[in-house]
């Protein structure tokens, strides 16, 4: 098993998820309006399975979504990071923030650190973000990251009935943007 990293940004700590994240994760996933674009409301039993799959991704592949914590408080505020389950349309950097954490710039800050890590440590040469076309907040995050609209993608079940547009960029574009 590979070393599990902890990343730090100005305001955030990103670390692999663990069982102690469950209560906050389940609260986010239980808010139907808040998670309508990422698969919909999950009862606690399904949220547990979702969190376990993210923990399992770290064990199986050496990467997965990071838990995002406020550096000052230690409060769990969401998740971000590399995600590529079986049959996924590409190497994704995704994000989801808890309702109280939205609108603070955390998604861009955390996803930027996750993109750096995926390009530098996983050797990915491109990333996508699968976004429902009605999710204007996530589209704004993708644009702030410098990603461009690539077109419609087909995600595997249970997301196969949900419209998804891929936004993305190459490692060269990401590194060129940061150097400018």
N, C-alpha and C. Protein backbone atom coordinates (compact mmCIF):
# COMPACT_ATOMS: atom_id res chain seq x y z
N UNK A 1 0.85 -1.18 0.00
CA UNK A 1 0.00 0.00 0.00
C UNK A 1 0.89 1.24 0.00
N UNK A 2 0.54 2.20 -0.82
CA UNK A 2 1.32 3.44 -0.91
C UNK A 2 1.09 4.33 0.30
N UNK A 3 2.02 5.21 0.51
CA UNK A 3 1.91 6.20 1.58
C UNK A 3 0.69 7.08 1.33
N UNK A 4 -0.05 7.36 2.36
CA UNK A 4 -1.25 8.19 2.24
C UNK A 4 -0.90 9.62 2.62
N UNK A 5 -0.95 10.50 1.66
CA UNK A 5 -0.47 11.87 1.90
C UNK A 5 -1.46 12.75 2.66
N UNK A 6 -0.91 13.77 3.27
CA UNK A 6 -1.69 14.87 3.81
C UNK A 6 -1.20 16.12 3.10
N UNK A 7 -2.13 16.87 2.53
CA UNK A 7 -1.81 18.10 1.82
C UNK A 7 -2.29 19.28 2.64
N UNK A 8 -1.57 20.38 2.56
CA UNK A 8 -1.99 21.59 3.25
C UNK A 8 -2.04 22.74 2.27
N UNK A 9 -3.07 23.55 2.40
CA UNK A 9 -3.19 24.80 1.66
C UNK A 9 -3.21 25.92 2.69
N UNK A 10 -3.46 27.11 2.24
CA UNK A 10 -3.49 28.23 3.17
C UNK A 10 -4.51 28.02 4.29
N UNK A 11 -5.70 27.50 3.94
CA UNK A 11 -6.77 27.39 4.94
C UNK A 11 -7.23 25.96 5.21
N UNK A 12 -6.71 25.00 4.46
CA UNK A 12 -7.28 23.65 4.50
C UNK A 12 -6.23 22.57 4.70
N UNK A 13 -6.69 21.45 5.21
CA UNK A 13 -5.92 20.21 5.27
C UNK A 13 -6.69 19.17 4.46
N UNK A 14 -6.00 18.48 3.58
CA UNK A 14 -6.58 17.40 2.80
C UNK A 14 -5.89 16.11 3.22
N UNK A 15 -6.66 15.12 3.61
CA UNK A 15 -6.12 13.83 4.01
C UNK A 15 -7.08 12.73 3.54
N UNK A 16 -6.59 11.50 3.41
CA UNK A 16 -7.50 10.42 3.04
C UNK A 16 -8.65 10.31 4.04
N UNK A 17 -9.82 9.95 3.56
CA UNK A 17 -10.98 9.86 4.46
C UNK A 17 -10.85 8.68 5.41
N UNK A 18 -11.60 8.76 6.50
CA UNK A 18 -11.61 7.68 7.48
C UNK A 18 -12.99 7.64 8.15
N UNK A 19 -13.19 6.65 8.99
CA UNK A 19 -14.50 6.44 9.60
C UNK A 19 -14.98 7.64 10.42
N UNK A 20 -14.06 8.38 11.03
CA UNK A 20 -14.50 9.52 11.85
C UNK A 20 -15.13 10.64 11.02
N UNK A 21 -15.00 10.57 9.68
CA UNK A 21 -15.63 11.55 8.79
C UNK A 21 -17.11 11.23 8.54
N UNK A 22 -17.54 10.04 8.97
CA UNK A 22 -18.86 9.56 8.58
C UNK A 22 -20.00 10.50 8.96
N UNK A 23 -20.04 10.99 10.17
CA UNK A 23 -21.18 11.80 10.62
C UNK A 23 -21.34 13.04 9.72
N UNK A 24 -20.26 13.75 9.46
CA UNK A 24 -20.35 14.95 8.61
C UNK A 24 -20.63 14.57 7.16
N UNK A 25 -20.01 13.50 6.67
CA UNK A 25 -20.26 13.05 5.31
C UNK A 25 -21.72 12.65 5.14
N UNK A 26 -22.25 11.88 6.08
CA UNK A 26 -23.65 11.44 6.00
C UNK A 26 -24.61 12.63 6.06
N UNK A 27 -24.29 13.64 6.86
CA UNK A 27 -25.13 14.84 6.93
C UNK A 27 -25.15 15.53 5.57
N UNK A 28 -23.98 15.67 4.92
CA UNK A 28 -23.95 16.29 3.59
C UNK A 28 -24.75 15.46 2.60
N UNK A 29 -24.54 14.15 2.60
CA UNK A 29 -25.21 13.29 1.62
C UNK A 29 -26.70 13.13 1.92
N UNK A 30 -27.12 13.46 3.12
CA UNK A 30 -28.54 13.38 3.49
C UNK A 30 -29.33 14.62 3.13
N UNK A 31 -28.67 15.67 2.66
CA UNK A 31 -29.32 16.93 2.30
C UNK A 31 -29.69 16.87 0.82
N UNK A 32 -30.94 16.51 0.54
CA UNK A 32 -31.38 16.25 -0.84
C UNK A 32 -31.11 17.41 -1.79
N UNK A 33 -31.38 18.61 -1.38
CA UNK A 33 -31.17 19.77 -2.25
C UNK A 33 -29.68 19.98 -2.52
N UNK A 34 -28.88 19.79 -1.51
CA UNK A 34 -27.44 20.05 -1.65
C UNK A 34 -26.73 19.04 -2.55
N UNK A 35 -27.20 17.80 -2.58
CA UNK A 35 -26.50 16.76 -3.35
C UNK A 35 -27.27 16.32 -4.60
N UNK A 36 -28.21 17.15 -5.05
CA UNK A 36 -29.02 16.77 -6.20
C UNK A 36 -28.21 16.57 -7.47
N UNK A 37 -27.05 17.19 -7.59
CA UNK A 37 -26.24 17.06 -8.80
C UNK A 37 -25.16 15.98 -8.69
N UNK A 38 -25.02 15.36 -7.53
CA UNK A 38 -23.98 14.34 -7.38
C UNK A 38 -24.59 13.00 -6.95
N UNK A 39 -25.73 12.69 -7.52
CA UNK A 39 -26.34 11.39 -7.28
C UNK A 39 -27.54 11.40 -6.36
N UNK A 40 -27.80 12.52 -5.72
CA UNK A 40 -28.99 12.62 -4.88
C UNK A 40 -28.77 12.17 -3.45
N UNK A 41 -29.83 12.37 -2.67
CA UNK A 41 -29.81 12.07 -1.24
C UNK A 41 -29.49 10.61 -0.99
N UNK A 42 -28.68 10.39 0.04
CA UNK A 42 -28.35 9.04 0.46
C UNK A 42 -28.71 8.88 1.93
N UNK A 43 -29.46 7.82 2.27
CA UNK A 43 -29.69 7.55 3.68
C UNK A 43 -28.36 7.15 4.33
N UNK A 44 -28.26 7.21 5.64
CA UNK A 44 -26.98 6.90 6.29
C UNK A 44 -26.35 5.57 5.87
N UNK A 45 -27.14 4.54 5.66
CA UNK A 45 -26.56 3.25 5.28
C UNK A 45 -25.87 3.32 3.91
N UNK A 46 -26.43 4.05 2.98
CA UNK A 46 -25.80 4.20 1.66
C UNK A 46 -24.63 5.18 1.72
N UNK A 47 -24.76 6.22 2.53
CA UNK A 47 -23.64 7.16 2.71
C UNK A 47 -22.44 6.42 3.30
N UNK A 48 -22.68 5.49 4.22
CA UNK A 48 -21.58 4.70 4.77
C UNK A 48 -20.88 3.92 3.67
N UNK A 49 -21.66 3.29 2.78
CA UNK A 49 -21.07 2.54 1.67
C UNK A 49 -20.29 3.46 0.73
N UNK A 50 -20.80 4.66 0.49
CA UNK A 50 -20.09 5.62 -0.37
C UNK A 50 -18.76 6.03 0.25
N UNK A 51 -18.77 6.32 1.53
CA UNK A 51 -17.54 6.69 2.20
C UNK A 51 -16.57 5.50 2.21
N UNK A 52 -17.08 4.32 2.43
CA UNK A 52 -16.24 3.12 2.43
C UNK A 52 -15.60 2.89 1.05
N UNK A 53 -16.32 3.23 -0.01
CA UNK A 53 -15.73 3.06 -1.35
C UNK A 53 -14.58 4.04 -1.57
N UNK A 54 -14.67 5.22 -0.98
CA UNK A 54 -13.57 6.18 -1.10
C UNK A 54 -12.36 5.71 -0.28
N UNK A 55 -12.62 5.20 0.91
CA UNK A 55 -11.54 4.62 1.72
C UNK A 55 -10.92 3.45 0.96
N UNK A 56 -11.76 2.63 0.36
CA UNK A 56 -11.29 1.48 -0.41
C UNK A 56 -10.49 1.86 -1.62
N UNK A 57 -10.81 2.97 -2.25
CA UNK A 57 -10.03 3.43 -3.40
C UNK A 57 -8.59 3.68 -2.99
N UNK A 58 -8.40 4.26 -1.83
CA UNK A 58 -7.03 4.48 -1.33
C UNK A 58 -6.32 3.15 -1.13
N UNK A 59 -7.01 2.16 -0.60
CA UNK A 59 -6.39 0.85 -0.36
C UNK A 59 -6.09 0.13 -1.67
N UNK A 60 -7.01 0.20 -2.63
CA UNK A 60 -6.84 -0.53 -3.88
C UNK A 60 -5.92 0.16 -4.89
N UNK A 61 -6.03 1.48 -4.97
CA UNK A 61 -5.33 2.21 -6.02
C UNK A 61 -4.27 3.19 -5.54
N UNK A 62 -4.27 3.46 -4.26
CA UNK A 62 -3.29 4.40 -3.74
C UNK A 62 -3.70 5.85 -3.90
N UNK A 63 -4.94 6.08 -4.27
CA UNK A 63 -5.48 7.44 -4.37
C UNK A 63 -6.99 7.38 -4.24
N UNK A 64 -7.57 8.54 -4.04
CA UNK A 64 -9.02 8.67 -3.93
C UNK A 64 -9.34 10.07 -3.48
N UNK A 65 -10.59 10.27 -3.18
CA UNK A 65 -11.01 11.56 -2.67
C UNK A 65 -10.32 11.83 -1.33
N UNK A 66 -9.94 13.07 -1.12
CA UNK A 66 -9.42 13.52 0.17
C UNK A 66 -10.57 14.08 1.00
N UNK A 67 -10.52 13.87 2.30
CA UNK A 67 -11.38 14.62 3.21
C UNK A 67 -10.78 16.01 3.31
N UNK A 68 -11.63 17.03 3.30
CA UNK A 68 -11.17 18.41 3.38
C UNK A 68 -11.58 18.97 4.74
N UNK A 69 -10.58 19.45 5.47
CA UNK A 69 -10.80 19.98 6.82
C UNK A 69 -10.34 21.43 6.88
N UNK A 70 -11.07 22.25 7.63
CA UNK A 70 -10.60 23.60 7.89
C UNK A 70 -9.37 23.50 8.78
N UNK A 71 -8.32 24.18 8.40
CA UNK A 71 -7.07 24.12 9.16
C UNK A 71 -7.26 24.69 10.57
N UNK A 72 -7.98 25.80 10.70
CA UNK A 72 -8.13 26.47 12.00
C UNK A 72 -9.00 25.69 12.98
N UNK A 73 -10.04 25.01 12.48
CA UNK A 73 -11.02 24.37 13.37
C UNK A 73 -10.95 22.85 13.35
N UNK A 74 -10.39 22.26 12.30
CA UNK A 74 -10.41 20.81 12.14
C UNK A 74 -11.75 20.28 11.66
N UNK A 75 -12.68 21.19 11.36
CA UNK A 75 -14.03 20.79 10.92
C UNK A 75 -13.98 20.21 9.52
N UNK A 76 -14.67 19.05 9.32
CA UNK A 76 -14.80 18.43 8.01
C UNK A 76 -15.72 19.32 7.17
N UNK A 77 -15.22 19.77 6.00
CA UNK A 77 -16.02 20.67 5.16
C UNK A 77 -16.30 20.11 3.77
N UNK A 78 -15.83 18.90 3.49
CA UNK A 78 -16.14 18.31 2.20
C UNK A 78 -15.10 17.32 1.75
N UNK A 79 -15.10 17.10 0.44
CA UNK A 79 -14.16 16.16 -0.16
C UNK A 79 -13.76 16.66 -1.54
N UNK A 80 -12.57 16.28 -1.93
CA UNK A 80 -12.08 16.59 -3.27
C UNK A 80 -10.99 15.60 -3.60
N UNK A 81 -10.70 15.48 -4.88
CA UNK A 81 -9.54 14.68 -5.23
C UNK A 81 -9.71 13.79 -6.42
N UNK A 82 -8.69 12.96 -6.64
CA UNK A 82 -8.69 12.07 -7.79
C UNK A 82 -9.69 10.93 -7.60
N UNK A 83 -10.42 10.66 -8.67
CA UNK A 83 -11.49 9.66 -8.59
C UNK A 83 -11.62 9.00 -9.95
N UNK A 84 -11.48 7.71 -10.00
CA UNK A 84 -11.65 6.99 -11.26
C UNK A 84 -12.12 5.57 -10.98
N UNK A 85 -13.40 5.42 -10.59
CA UNK A 85 -13.91 4.06 -10.41
C UNK A 85 -13.99 3.34 -11.76
N UNK A 86 -14.23 2.06 -11.69
CA UNK A 86 -14.32 1.23 -12.89
C UNK A 86 -15.29 1.84 -13.91
N UNK A 87 -14.85 1.91 -15.16
CA UNK A 87 -15.63 2.42 -16.30
C UNK A 87 -15.90 3.93 -16.25
N UNK A 88 -15.20 4.66 -15.39
CA UNK A 88 -15.38 6.11 -15.35
C UNK A 88 -14.82 6.70 -16.64
N UNK A 89 -15.36 7.81 -17.14
CA UNK A 89 -14.94 8.33 -18.45
C UNK A 89 -13.57 9.00 -18.50
N UNK A 90 -12.88 9.11 -17.39
CA UNK A 90 -11.55 9.71 -17.40
C UNK A 90 -11.02 9.87 -15.99
N UNK A 91 -9.82 10.40 -15.90
CA UNK A 91 -9.22 10.69 -14.59
C UNK A 91 -9.86 11.96 -14.05
N UNK A 92 -10.68 11.80 -13.04
CA UNK A 92 -11.44 12.95 -12.54
C UNK A 92 -10.82 13.53 -11.28
N UNK A 93 -10.87 14.84 -11.19
CA UNK A 93 -10.71 15.56 -9.92
C UNK A 93 -12.09 16.12 -9.62
N UNK A 94 -12.71 15.57 -8.60
CA UNK A 94 -14.06 15.99 -8.23
C UNK A 94 -14.05 16.73 -6.91
N UNK A 95 -15.20 17.27 -6.55
CA UNK A 95 -15.33 17.99 -5.28
C UNK A 95 -16.78 18.01 -4.85
N UNK A 96 -16.97 18.09 -3.56
CA UNK A 96 -18.29 18.30 -2.96
C UNK A 96 -18.04 18.92 -1.59
N UNK A 97 -18.71 20.01 -1.34
CA UNK A 97 -18.56 20.70 -0.06
C UNK A 97 -19.82 20.58 0.77
N UNK A 98 -19.65 20.54 2.08
CA UNK A 98 -20.78 20.56 2.99
C UNK A 98 -21.53 21.88 2.84
N UNK A 99 -22.84 21.90 3.08
CA UNK A 99 -23.61 23.13 2.87
C UNK A 99 -23.02 24.37 3.54
N UNK A 100 -22.54 24.28 4.75
CA UNK A 100 -22.00 25.45 5.44
C UNK A 100 -20.65 25.91 4.93
N UNK A 101 -20.03 25.12 4.05
CA UNK A 101 -18.69 25.47 3.55
C UNK A 101 -18.72 26.08 2.16
N UNK A 102 -19.86 26.07 1.52
CA UNK A 102 -19.96 26.59 0.15
C UNK A 102 -19.80 28.11 0.14
N UNK A 103 -19.26 28.61 -0.97
CA UNK A 103 -19.14 30.05 -1.16
C UNK A 103 -17.94 30.69 -0.50
N UNK A 104 -16.99 29.91 -0.01
CA UNK A 104 -15.82 30.45 0.67
C UNK A 104 -14.53 30.26 -0.14
N UNK A 105 -14.66 29.70 -1.34
CA UNK A 105 -13.47 29.45 -2.15
C UNK A 105 -12.76 28.16 -1.81
N UNK A 106 -13.33 27.37 -0.91
CA UNK A 106 -12.70 26.12 -0.51
C UNK A 106 -12.58 25.12 -1.67
N UNK A 107 -13.59 25.05 -2.53
CA UNK A 107 -13.55 24.06 -3.62
C UNK A 107 -12.36 24.31 -4.54
N UNK A 108 -12.15 25.56 -4.92
CA UNK A 108 -11.02 25.88 -5.81
C UNK A 108 -9.70 25.64 -5.09
N UNK A 109 -9.61 26.06 -3.85
CA UNK A 109 -8.37 25.90 -3.08
C UNK A 109 -8.02 24.41 -2.92
N UNK A 110 -9.00 23.61 -2.54
CA UNK A 110 -8.76 22.19 -2.32
C UNK A 110 -8.52 21.44 -3.63
N UNK A 111 -9.34 21.73 -4.65
CA UNK A 111 -9.17 21.04 -5.93
C UNK A 111 -7.84 21.39 -6.58
N UNK A 112 -7.36 22.60 -6.39
CA UNK A 112 -6.04 22.98 -6.91
C UNK A 112 -4.95 22.11 -6.31
N UNK A 113 -5.00 21.93 -5.00
CA UNK A 113 -4.00 21.09 -4.33
C UNK A 113 -4.12 19.64 -4.80
N UNK A 114 -5.34 19.17 -4.98
CA UNK A 114 -5.55 17.79 -5.45
C UNK A 114 -5.05 17.61 -6.89
N UNK A 115 -5.25 18.63 -7.73
CA UNK A 115 -4.75 18.55 -9.10
C UNK A 115 -3.23 18.53 -9.12
N UNK A 116 -2.61 19.39 -8.33
CA UNK A 116 -1.14 19.37 -8.23
C UNK A 116 -0.67 17.97 -7.86
N UNK A 117 -1.30 17.38 -6.85
CA UNK A 117 -0.90 16.07 -6.36
C UNK A 117 -1.11 15.00 -7.42
N UNK A 118 -2.26 15.02 -8.10
CA UNK A 118 -2.53 14.00 -9.13
C UNK A 118 -1.54 14.10 -10.29
N UNK A 119 -1.24 15.31 -10.72
CA UNK A 119 -0.28 15.47 -11.81
C UNK A 119 1.13 15.09 -11.36
N UNK A 120 1.52 15.51 -10.17
CA UNK A 120 2.89 15.28 -9.70
C UNK A 120 3.14 13.87 -9.19
N UNK A 121 2.16 13.27 -8.52
CA UNK A 121 2.40 11.98 -7.86
C UNK A 121 1.74 10.79 -8.55
N UNK A 122 0.67 11.02 -9.26
CA UNK A 122 0.02 9.92 -9.99
C UNK A 122 0.48 9.86 -11.44
N UNK A 123 1.10 10.95 -11.90
CA UNK A 123 1.56 10.99 -13.28
C UNK A 123 0.45 11.20 -14.29
N UNK A 124 -0.71 11.65 -13.82
CA UNK A 124 -1.81 11.91 -14.75
C UNK A 124 -1.40 13.02 -15.71
N UNK A 125 -1.81 12.90 -16.96
CA UNK A 125 -1.49 13.92 -17.97
C UNK A 125 -2.69 14.78 -18.31
N UNK A 126 -3.86 14.38 -17.84
CA UNK A 126 -5.07 15.18 -18.03
C UNK A 126 -6.06 14.84 -16.95
N UNK A 127 -6.95 15.78 -16.66
CA UNK A 127 -8.02 15.55 -15.69
C UNK A 127 -9.33 16.05 -16.28
N UNK A 128 -10.39 15.44 -15.79
CA UNK A 128 -11.74 15.91 -16.12
C UNK A 128 -12.48 16.17 -14.82
N UNK A 129 -13.58 16.88 -14.96
CA UNK A 129 -14.54 17.10 -13.89
C UNK A 129 -15.90 16.81 -14.52
N UNK A 130 -16.59 15.78 -14.07
CA UNK A 130 -17.91 15.43 -14.60
C UNK A 130 -18.95 16.27 -13.86
N UNK A 131 -19.62 17.15 -14.59
CA UNK A 131 -20.52 18.12 -13.96
C UNK A 131 -21.87 18.11 -14.66
N UNK A 132 -22.92 18.06 -13.87
CA UNK A 132 -24.27 18.21 -14.40
C UNK A 132 -24.38 19.62 -14.99
N UNK A 133 -24.93 19.76 -16.20
CA UNK A 133 -24.96 21.08 -16.84
C UNK A 133 -25.78 22.14 -16.10
N UNK A 134 -26.59 21.72 -15.13
CA UNK A 134 -27.37 22.68 -14.34
C UNK A 134 -26.65 23.09 -13.05
N UNK A 135 -25.50 22.49 -12.78
CA UNK A 135 -24.76 22.78 -11.56
C UNK A 135 -23.83 23.97 -11.79
N UNK A 136 -24.40 25.14 -11.75
CA UNK A 136 -23.64 26.36 -12.08
C UNK A 136 -22.50 26.62 -11.09
N UNK A 137 -22.68 26.24 -9.83
CA UNK A 137 -21.60 26.46 -8.85
C UNK A 137 -20.37 25.63 -9.22
N UNK A 138 -20.56 24.38 -9.58
CA UNK A 138 -19.41 23.54 -9.96
C UNK A 138 -18.82 23.97 -11.30
N UNK A 139 -19.64 24.45 -12.20
CA UNK A 139 -19.10 24.96 -13.47
C UNK A 139 -18.19 26.15 -13.20
N UNK A 140 -18.60 27.02 -12.28
CA UNK A 140 -17.75 28.17 -11.92
C UNK A 140 -16.42 27.71 -11.30
N UNK A 141 -16.47 26.66 -10.48
CA UNK A 141 -15.23 26.12 -9.90
C UNK A 141 -14.32 25.62 -11.03
N UNK A 142 -14.88 24.84 -11.95
CA UNK A 142 -14.09 24.31 -13.08
C UNK A 142 -13.46 25.46 -13.87
N UNK A 143 -14.23 26.49 -14.14
CA UNK A 143 -13.70 27.63 -14.89
C UNK A 143 -12.59 28.33 -14.11
N UNK A 144 -12.77 28.49 -12.80
CA UNK A 144 -11.73 29.14 -11.98
C UNK A 144 -10.46 28.31 -11.94
N UNK A 145 -10.60 27.00 -12.10
CA UNK A 145 -9.43 26.13 -12.17
C UNK A 145 -8.75 26.19 -13.54
N UNK A 146 -9.41 26.83 -14.49
CA UNK A 146 -8.86 26.92 -15.84
C UNK A 146 -9.29 25.80 -16.75
N UNK A 147 -10.23 24.98 -16.31
CA UNK A 147 -10.71 23.89 -17.14
C UNK A 147 -11.68 24.41 -18.19
N UNK A 148 -11.76 23.69 -19.30
CA UNK A 148 -12.65 24.07 -20.40
C UNK A 148 -13.67 22.95 -20.62
N UNK A 149 -14.79 23.34 -21.19
CA UNK A 149 -15.85 22.38 -21.48
C UNK A 149 -15.38 21.47 -22.61
N UNK A 150 -15.41 20.17 -22.35
CA UNK A 150 -14.97 19.18 -23.34
C UNK A 150 -16.13 18.50 -24.05
N UNK A 151 -17.26 18.41 -23.40
CA UNK A 151 -18.43 17.78 -24.03
C UNK A 151 -19.07 16.73 -23.14
N UNK A 152 -20.14 16.19 -23.63
CA UNK A 152 -20.94 15.21 -22.89
C UNK A 152 -20.14 13.92 -22.68
N UNK A 153 -20.29 13.34 -21.50
CA UNK A 153 -19.68 12.05 -21.19
C UNK A 153 -20.74 11.12 -20.62
N UNK A 154 -20.51 9.84 -20.78
CA UNK A 154 -21.40 8.83 -20.23
C UNK A 154 -20.74 8.20 -19.01
N UNK A 155 -21.34 8.40 -17.86
CA UNK A 155 -20.83 7.79 -16.64
C UNK A 155 -21.51 6.44 -16.45
N UNK A 156 -20.86 5.52 -15.74
CA UNK A 156 -21.46 4.20 -15.50
C UNK A 156 -22.58 4.29 -14.46
N UNK A 157 -23.36 3.22 -14.35
CA UNK A 157 -24.41 3.12 -13.34
C UNK A 157 -23.79 3.31 -11.96
N UNK A 158 -24.45 3.98 -11.05
CA UNK A 158 -25.83 4.44 -11.12
C UNK A 158 -25.99 5.84 -11.69
N UNK A 159 -24.94 6.40 -12.30
CA UNK A 159 -24.99 7.76 -12.85
C UNK A 159 -25.28 7.77 -14.34
N UNK A 160 -25.62 6.64 -14.92
CA UNK A 160 -25.82 6.54 -16.37
C UNK A 160 -27.06 7.25 -16.88
N UNK A 161 -27.98 7.58 -16.01
CA UNK A 161 -29.20 8.29 -16.41
C UNK A 161 -29.11 9.79 -16.15
N UNK A 162 -27.97 10.24 -15.65
CA UNK A 162 -27.74 11.64 -15.30
C UNK A 162 -26.88 12.28 -16.39
N UNK A 163 -27.29 13.43 -16.87
CA UNK A 163 -26.50 14.13 -17.88
C UNK A 163 -25.23 14.69 -17.24
N UNK A 164 -24.11 14.40 -17.85
CA UNK A 164 -22.83 14.90 -17.35
C UNK A 164 -22.03 15.51 -18.49
N UNK A 165 -21.45 16.65 -18.22
CA UNK A 165 -20.55 17.32 -19.16
C UNK A 165 -19.16 17.26 -18.55
N UNK A 166 -18.19 16.86 -19.35
CA UNK A 166 -16.80 16.86 -18.87
C UNK A 166 -16.20 18.23 -19.10
N UNK A 167 -15.58 18.72 -18.08
CA UNK A 167 -14.71 19.89 -18.14
C UNK A 167 -13.33 19.36 -17.84
N UNK A 168 -12.29 19.96 -18.36
CA UNK A 168 -10.98 19.43 -18.04
C UNK A 168 -9.84 20.22 -18.64
N UNK A 169 -8.65 19.66 -18.42
CA UNK A 169 -7.43 20.27 -18.94
C UNK A 169 -6.28 19.28 -18.85
N UNK A 170 -5.23 19.60 -19.54
CA UNK A 170 -4.02 18.78 -19.52
C UNK A 170 -3.09 19.26 -18.40
N UNK A 171 -2.14 18.40 -18.07
CA UNK A 171 -1.12 18.79 -17.10
C UNK A 171 -0.34 20.00 -17.61
N UNK A 172 -0.01 20.01 -18.91
CA UNK A 172 0.74 21.14 -19.47
C UNK A 172 -0.03 22.44 -19.34
N UNK A 173 -1.33 22.41 -19.62
CA UNK A 173 -2.15 23.62 -19.49
C UNK A 173 -2.19 24.07 -18.03
N UNK A 174 -2.35 23.12 -17.10
CA UNK A 174 -2.40 23.44 -15.67
C UNK A 174 -1.08 24.07 -15.22
N UNK A 175 0.02 23.45 -15.58
CA UNK A 175 1.31 23.96 -15.14
C UNK A 175 1.64 25.29 -15.82
N UNK A 176 1.23 25.46 -17.09
CA UNK A 176 1.44 26.73 -17.78
C UNK A 176 0.64 27.85 -17.16
N UNK A 177 -0.57 27.54 -16.74
CA UNK A 177 -1.43 28.54 -16.11
C UNK A 177 -0.84 28.98 -14.77
N UNK A 178 -0.32 28.03 -14.04
CA UNK A 178 0.26 28.35 -12.73
C UNK A 178 1.55 29.15 -12.87
N UNK A 179 2.30 28.90 -13.95
CA UNK A 179 3.57 29.60 -14.16
C UNK A 179 3.37 31.02 -14.63
N UNK A 180 2.21 31.29 -15.25
CA UNK A 180 1.94 32.63 -15.82
C UNK A 180 1.71 33.67 -14.76
